[in-house]
Amino acid sequence: MTLKGLIKLTNILQEHPLTIIQWQILLVVADNPGETITDLVNEGKLECGTPSDIAVSVKRLGEGRHDRPGLGLLKKVQHEDDGRYFRLSLSPKGKKLVDKLKQQIKSVK
């Protein structure tokens, strides 16, 4: 990728109030729906922190906390075998955003 392409990619990402880590989570979950954070980290698909670090970003991308609403981009469903874990997928809003981003990235060279 050229410097001009990198600048264009940075501008695309800055259109939305997300960190690089949050973008990575969204893109990885889009390609691996139904996986848990731990699975994604252990399989080397998410390399942006520990499972507990990533869980904080997932909460922000999802339903949020009692003191700060989330962005509604991710859905969490409790794991059927172990209630401590959640399977992740994109919400309709998250899917729309990721699809838009992927289309914009295709034009970057």
N, C-alpha and C. Protein backbone atom coordinates (compact mmCIF):
# COMPACT_ATOMS: atom_id res chain seq x y z
N MET A 1 0.85 -1.17 0.00
CA MET A 1 0.00 0.00 0.00
C MET A 1 0.90 1.24 0.00
N THR A 2 0.52 2.19 -0.79
CA THR A 2 1.28 3.43 -0.89
C THR A 2 0.96 4.33 0.31
N LEU A 3 1.77 5.35 0.48
CA LEU A 3 1.51 6.33 1.54
C LEU A 3 0.17 7.01 1.30
N LYS A 4 -0.11 7.33 0.04
CA LYS A 4 -1.38 7.96 -0.30
C LYS A 4 -2.55 7.03 0.07
N GLY A 5 -2.39 5.74 -0.19
CA GLY A 5 -3.42 4.77 0.16
C GLY A 5 -3.60 4.65 1.66
N LEU A 6 -2.49 4.69 2.39
CA LEU A 6 -2.56 4.62 3.85
C LEU A 6 -3.28 5.83 4.43
N ILE A 7 -3.01 6.99 3.87
CA ILE A 7 -3.69 8.22 4.31
C ILE A 7 -5.18 8.11 4.01
N LYS A 8 -5.53 7.60 2.84
CA LYS A 8 -6.94 7.44 2.48
C LYS A 8 -7.63 6.45 3.43
N LEU A 9 -6.97 5.35 3.74
CA LEU A 9 -7.52 4.36 4.67
C LEU A 9 -7.74 4.98 6.05
N THR A 10 -6.77 5.75 6.51
CA THR A 10 -6.89 6.43 7.81
C THR A 10 -8.09 7.37 7.80
N ASN A 11 -8.28 8.10 6.72
CA ASN A 11 -9.43 9.01 6.62
C ASN A 11 -10.75 8.25 6.64
N ILE A 12 -10.81 7.10 5.98
CA ILE A 12 -12.02 6.27 5.99
C ILE A 12 -12.34 5.84 7.41
N LEU A 13 -11.32 5.36 8.13
CA LEU A 13 -11.54 4.88 9.50
C LEU A 13 -11.94 6.02 10.44
N GLN A 14 -11.43 7.23 10.18
CA GLN A 14 -11.74 8.36 11.06
C GLN A 14 -13.15 8.89 10.87
N GLU A 15 -13.85 8.44 9.84
CA GLU A 15 -15.23 8.86 9.63
C GLU A 15 -16.16 8.33 10.73
N HIS A 16 -15.68 7.31 11.44
CA HIS A 16 -16.48 6.66 12.48
C HIS A 16 -15.70 6.71 13.79
N PRO A 17 -16.37 6.95 14.90
CA PRO A 17 -15.66 7.13 16.18
C PRO A 17 -15.20 5.82 16.81
N LEU A 18 -14.37 5.08 16.09
CA LEU A 18 -13.89 3.80 16.59
C LEU A 18 -12.38 3.77 16.62
N THR A 19 -11.84 3.00 17.55
CA THR A 19 -10.39 2.82 17.62
C THR A 19 -9.98 1.72 16.64
N ILE A 20 -8.70 1.62 16.38
CA ILE A 20 -8.18 0.56 15.51
C ILE A 20 -8.52 -0.80 16.11
N ILE A 21 -8.41 -0.93 17.42
CA ILE A 21 -8.75 -2.20 18.09
C ILE A 21 -10.22 -2.53 17.86
N GLN A 22 -11.10 -1.55 17.98
CA GLN A 22 -12.52 -1.80 17.76
C GLN A 22 -12.79 -2.21 16.31
N TRP A 23 -12.10 -1.57 15.36
CA TRP A 23 -12.25 -1.97 13.97
C TRP A 23 -11.80 -3.41 13.78
N GLN A 24 -10.66 -3.76 14.38
CA GLN A 24 -10.16 -5.13 14.23
C GLN A 24 -11.18 -6.12 14.78
N ILE A 25 -11.75 -5.82 15.93
CA ILE A 25 -12.75 -6.71 16.53
C ILE A 25 -13.94 -6.87 15.58
N LEU A 26 -14.46 -5.77 15.05
CA LEU A 26 -15.60 -5.84 14.15
C LEU A 26 -15.30 -6.68 12.92
N LEU A 27 -14.14 -6.46 12.31
CA LEU A 27 -13.79 -7.20 11.10
C LEU A 27 -13.58 -8.68 11.38
N VAL A 28 -12.96 -9.00 12.50
CA VAL A 28 -12.73 -10.40 12.85
C VAL A 28 -14.05 -11.10 13.19
N VAL A 29 -14.92 -10.44 13.94
CA VAL A 29 -16.22 -11.03 14.27
C VAL A 29 -17.05 -11.21 13.00
N ALA A 30 -16.96 -10.27 12.06
CA ALA A 30 -17.70 -10.39 10.80
C ALA A 30 -17.29 -11.67 10.06
N ASP A 31 -16.02 -12.01 10.13
CA ASP A 31 -15.52 -13.21 9.44
C ASP A 31 -15.65 -14.48 10.28
N ASN A 32 -15.96 -14.34 11.58
CA ASN A 32 -16.04 -15.48 12.49
C ASN A 32 -17.24 -15.38 13.42
N PRO A 33 -18.45 -15.26 12.87
CA PRO A 33 -19.61 -15.10 13.75
C PRO A 33 -19.82 -16.34 14.62
N GLY A 34 -20.25 -16.09 15.86
CA GLY A 34 -20.54 -17.19 16.78
C GLY A 34 -19.36 -17.63 17.62
N GLU A 35 -18.19 -17.06 17.39
CA GLU A 35 -17.00 -17.39 18.20
C GLU A 35 -17.00 -16.56 19.48
N THR A 36 -16.30 -17.04 20.48
CA THR A 36 -16.13 -16.28 21.72
C THR A 36 -14.83 -15.48 21.63
N ILE A 37 -14.68 -14.50 22.51
CA ILE A 37 -13.44 -13.72 22.56
C ILE A 37 -12.26 -14.65 22.78
N THR A 38 -12.40 -15.56 23.73
CA THR A 38 -11.31 -16.48 24.05
C THR A 38 -10.92 -17.32 22.84
N ASP A 39 -11.91 -17.83 22.11
CA ASP A 39 -11.62 -18.61 20.91
C ASP A 39 -10.84 -17.78 19.90
N LEU A 40 -11.29 -16.55 19.67
CA LEU A 40 -10.64 -15.69 18.68
C LEU A 40 -9.20 -15.35 19.07
N VAL A 41 -8.97 -15.14 20.36
CA VAL A 41 -7.61 -14.86 20.83
C VAL A 41 -6.75 -16.11 20.73
N ASN A 42 -7.26 -17.24 21.22
CA ASN A 42 -6.48 -18.48 21.22
C ASN A 42 -6.15 -18.96 19.81
N GLU A 43 -7.02 -18.67 18.85
CA GLU A 43 -6.78 -19.07 17.46
C GLU A 43 -5.92 -18.06 16.71
N GLY A 44 -5.51 -16.98 17.39
CA GLY A 44 -4.65 -15.98 16.78
C GLY A 44 -5.37 -15.05 15.81
N LYS A 45 -6.69 -15.03 15.86
CA LYS A 45 -7.46 -14.17 14.96
C LYS A 45 -7.57 -12.75 15.51
N LEU A 46 -7.55 -12.61 16.82
CA LEU A 46 -7.56 -11.30 17.49
C LEU A 46 -6.25 -11.17 18.25
N GLU A 47 -5.44 -10.23 17.84
CA GLU A 47 -4.13 -10.06 18.47
C GLU A 47 -3.96 -8.65 19.02
N CYS A 48 -5.06 -8.05 19.45
CA CYS A 48 -5.00 -6.66 19.89
C CYS A 48 -5.06 -6.53 21.41
N GLY A 49 -4.79 -7.60 22.13
CA GLY A 49 -4.79 -7.54 23.59
C GLY A 49 -5.20 -8.86 24.20
N THR A 50 -5.32 -8.84 25.51
CA THR A 50 -5.75 -10.03 26.23
C THR A 50 -7.27 -10.16 26.13
N PRO A 51 -7.82 -11.33 26.42
CA PRO A 51 -9.28 -11.46 26.39
C PRO A 51 -9.99 -10.43 27.27
N SER A 52 -9.43 -10.10 28.44
CA SER A 52 -10.10 -9.11 29.29
C SER A 52 -10.02 -7.70 28.69
N ASP A 53 -8.89 -7.37 28.03
CA ASP A 53 -8.78 -6.07 27.35
C ASP A 53 -9.80 -5.98 26.22
N ILE A 54 -9.91 -7.04 25.46
CA ILE A 54 -10.83 -7.06 24.32
C ILE A 54 -12.27 -7.00 24.81
N ALA A 55 -12.55 -7.63 25.95
CA ALA A 55 -13.91 -7.64 26.50
C ALA A 55 -14.41 -6.22 26.75
N VAL A 56 -13.52 -5.33 27.15
CA VAL A 56 -13.90 -3.93 27.39
C VAL A 56 -14.36 -3.29 26.08
N SER A 57 -13.61 -3.52 25.00
CA SER A 57 -14.00 -2.97 23.70
C SER A 57 -15.28 -3.61 23.18
N VAL A 58 -15.43 -4.90 23.43
CA VAL A 58 -16.65 -5.60 22.99
C VAL A 58 -17.87 -5.02 23.70
N LYS A 59 -17.71 -4.74 24.98
CA LYS A 59 -18.82 -4.14 25.73
C LYS A 59 -19.20 -2.79 25.12
N ARG A 60 -18.21 -1.98 24.78
CA ARG A 60 -18.45 -0.66 24.17
C ARG A 60 -19.11 -0.82 22.79
N LEU A 61 -18.67 -1.80 22.03
CA LEU A 61 -19.24 -2.05 20.70
C LEU A 61 -20.64 -2.65 20.78
N GLY A 62 -20.95 -3.25 21.90
CA GLY A 62 -22.25 -3.90 22.07
C GLY A 62 -23.23 -3.07 22.86
N GLU A 63 -23.65 -3.61 24.00
CA GLU A 63 -24.71 -2.98 24.79
C GLU A 63 -24.21 -1.88 25.72
N GLY A 64 -22.91 -1.80 25.94
CA GLY A 64 -22.38 -0.77 26.81
C GLY A 64 -22.43 -1.16 28.27
N ARG A 65 -22.32 -0.16 29.12
CA ARG A 65 -22.35 -0.37 30.57
C ARG A 65 -23.49 0.44 31.14
N HIS A 66 -23.71 0.29 32.44
CA HIS A 66 -24.79 1.03 33.09
C HIS A 66 -24.59 2.54 33.02
N ASP A 67 -23.32 2.98 32.97
CA ASP A 67 -23.04 4.41 32.97
C ASP A 67 -22.70 4.98 31.58
N ARG A 68 -22.61 4.11 30.58
CA ARG A 68 -22.28 4.56 29.24
C ARG A 68 -22.91 3.61 28.22
N PRO A 69 -23.81 4.13 27.40
CA PRO A 69 -24.44 3.24 26.41
C PRO A 69 -23.44 2.76 25.37
N GLY A 70 -23.70 1.59 24.84
CA GLY A 70 -22.85 1.03 23.81
C GLY A 70 -23.23 1.54 22.43
N LEU A 71 -22.49 1.07 21.44
CA LEU A 71 -22.70 1.51 20.07
C LEU A 71 -23.68 0.63 19.31
N GLY A 72 -24.04 -0.52 19.86
CA GLY A 72 -25.00 -1.40 19.22
C GLY A 72 -24.51 -2.06 17.95
N LEU A 73 -23.20 -2.27 17.82
CA LEU A 73 -22.63 -2.86 16.62
C LEU A 73 -22.42 -4.37 16.75
N LEU A 74 -22.35 -4.86 17.98
CA LEU A 74 -22.16 -6.29 18.24
C LEU A 74 -23.31 -6.85 19.06
N LYS A 75 -23.57 -8.13 18.86
CA LYS A 75 -24.53 -8.86 19.69
C LYS A 75 -23.77 -9.95 20.43
N LYS A 76 -24.15 -10.17 21.69
CA LYS A 76 -23.56 -11.24 22.48
C LYS A 76 -24.68 -12.20 22.87
N VAL A 77 -24.42 -13.48 22.69
CA VAL A 77 -25.36 -14.52 23.11
C VAL A 77 -24.60 -15.45 24.05
N GLN A 78 -25.18 -15.70 25.21
CA GLN A 78 -24.50 -16.53 26.20
C GLN A 78 -24.22 -17.92 25.62
N HIS A 79 -23.01 -18.40 25.86
CA HIS A 79 -22.58 -19.71 25.38
C HIS A 79 -23.45 -20.77 26.04
N GLU A 80 -23.92 -21.71 25.24
CA GLU A 80 -24.85 -22.72 25.74
C GLU A 80 -24.21 -23.71 26.72
N ASP A 81 -22.89 -23.92 26.64
CA ASP A 81 -22.21 -24.87 27.51
C ASP A 81 -21.55 -24.23 28.73
N ASP A 82 -21.24 -22.95 28.64
CA ASP A 82 -20.53 -22.27 29.73
C ASP A 82 -21.01 -20.82 29.78
N GLY A 83 -21.80 -20.51 30.79
CA GLY A 83 -22.41 -19.19 30.92
C GLY A 83 -21.44 -18.05 31.12
N ARG A 84 -20.17 -18.36 31.36
CA ARG A 84 -19.17 -17.28 31.52
C ARG A 84 -18.75 -16.70 30.18
N TYR A 85 -19.06 -17.38 29.10
CA TYR A 85 -18.62 -16.96 27.77
C TYR A 85 -19.82 -16.53 26.92
N PHE A 86 -19.52 -15.70 25.93
CA PHE A 86 -20.55 -15.21 25.02
C PHE A 86 -20.09 -15.39 23.58
N ARG A 87 -21.01 -15.81 22.75
CA ARG A 87 -20.75 -15.90 21.31
C ARG A 87 -21.04 -14.52 20.71
N LEU A 88 -20.15 -14.07 19.84
CA LEU A 88 -20.26 -12.74 19.26
C LEU A 88 -20.72 -12.79 17.82
N SER A 89 -21.51 -11.81 17.43
CA SER A 89 -21.89 -11.62 16.04
C SER A 89 -22.18 -10.13 15.83
N LEU A 90 -22.24 -9.73 14.59
CA LEU A 90 -22.56 -8.34 14.29
C LEU A 90 -24.06 -8.14 14.39
N SER A 91 -24.45 -7.00 14.89
CA SER A 91 -25.86 -6.60 14.85
C SER A 91 -26.14 -6.14 13.42
N PRO A 92 -27.39 -5.94 13.05
CA PRO A 92 -27.66 -5.39 11.71
C PRO A 92 -26.92 -4.06 11.47
N LYS A 93 -26.88 -3.22 12.48
CA LYS A 93 -26.16 -1.94 12.37
C LYS A 93 -24.67 -2.18 12.15
N GLY A 94 -24.10 -3.15 12.88
CA GLY A 94 -22.68 -3.48 12.73
C GLY A 94 -22.38 -4.06 11.36
N LYS A 95 -23.26 -4.93 10.87
CA LYS A 95 -23.07 -5.52 9.55
C LYS A 95 -23.09 -4.45 8.47
N LYS A 96 -24.01 -3.52 8.58
CA LYS A 96 -24.10 -2.43 7.61
C LYS A 96 -22.80 -1.61 7.60
N LEU A 97 -22.28 -1.30 8.79
CA LEU A 97 -21.05 -0.52 8.90
C LEU A 97 -19.86 -1.27 8.32
N VAL A 98 -19.73 -2.55 8.66
CA VAL A 98 -18.60 -3.34 8.16
C VAL A 98 -18.69 -3.49 6.64
N ASP A 99 -19.87 -3.75 6.12
CA ASP A 99 -20.03 -3.86 4.66
C ASP A 99 -19.62 -2.55 3.97
N LYS A 100 -20.03 -1.42 4.54
CA LYS A 100 -19.66 -0.12 4.00
C LYS A 100 -18.15 0.07 4.02
N LEU A 101 -17.53 -0.28 5.14
CA LEU A 101 -16.08 -0.14 5.28
C LEU A 101 -15.36 -1.01 4.26
N LYS A 102 -15.79 -2.25 4.11
CA LYS A 102 -15.14 -3.15 3.16
C LYS A 102 -15.23 -2.61 1.73
N GLN A 103 -16.37 -2.03 1.37
CA GLN A 103 -16.52 -1.43 0.04
C GLN A 103 -15.56 -0.26 -0.13
N GLN A 104 -15.44 0.58 0.89
CA GLN A 104 -14.54 1.73 0.80
C GLN A 104 -13.08 1.30 0.72
N ILE A 105 -12.73 0.25 1.46
CA ILE A 105 -11.34 -0.22 1.48
C ILE A 105 -10.94 -0.80 0.13
N LYS A 106 -11.88 -1.41 -0.59
CA LYS A 106 -11.58 -1.97 -1.92
C LYS A 106 -11.02 -0.91 -2.86
N SER A 107 -11.41 0.33 -2.66
CA SER A 107 -10.95 1.40 -3.56
C SER A 107 -9.58 1.95 -3.18
N VAL A 108 -9.03 1.52 -2.04
CA VAL A 108 -7.74 2.03 -1.57
C VAL A 108 -6.61 1.19 -2.19
N LYS A 109 -5.62 1.90 -2.70
CA LYS A 109 -4.46 1.21 -3.29
C LYS A 109 -3.19 1.76 -2.72
